[in-house]
Amino acid sequence: DLRASADRSDLIVHAAASRLLLEEPQSQMDMVRVGTLLYGQYPAHVSKRDLDLRNTFELRSRIVHLGTVGVSGKVGYGGEFRVRRETKLATVPVGYAHGLEMMPRSLAERPQMAVRGFLSRTSAAWGRARHLPMVRIRGYEAPIIGRIAMDHCTVDVTDLPEVELGDDVTLPARRTAISPDVPRVYQPLGE
């Protein structure tokens, strides 16, 4: 026991944060630093997701360009994604420099992620990506397609009704991954 070894019975001991609160209850000791759970987001790499969390953070932008690409057209940085039908595209000025890649990668995961990324890109090259990140526009979900660039991403809005330049876009993002250069707007709950 830490208190006994330090000869201090008045010590409050805590070593757990949000992830350990959910997955390792024995590590909780006297207190837990809940961090990201306070913002309604699960910590990265948590498999137990049975809490009714309400996200208190959103990354928002607007559509700055609309266009169309024909069958087999290439989309995204490097042109690695090919569409399978005529596709209406929206450009959103948010990219990886802003924090759009949602999960931080640990050094141990990088080889595994490289293999997964290769398989994903190979599949995506012919419009067959299975787990595309989704954005929300006018209450509808639409997939980000193609490789995310430093300062923008491309969204397939083919199946969305009445999409226009300037429409609001809510993007998937982890609060902790967003660049400090992205302006913050704070609002009371319910607005």
Foldseek 3Di string as FASTA:
>chain_A
DVCVVVVHPPDQDADAEQQCVQPPVVRGGRHYHDPQVVQQDHAPPRPDDDDPGDHNDWDKFFFADKDWDAAQFFDADPSLAGHHGIFIKTKTFAFVLQQQPAHDDDPVCVVVVVVVVVVQSVCRSDPRRDDFFWKAWPRDIWGFHYHTDNTITMTGCRPPPPGDGGTMIIGDHRPVRGDPPDDDDDDPPPD
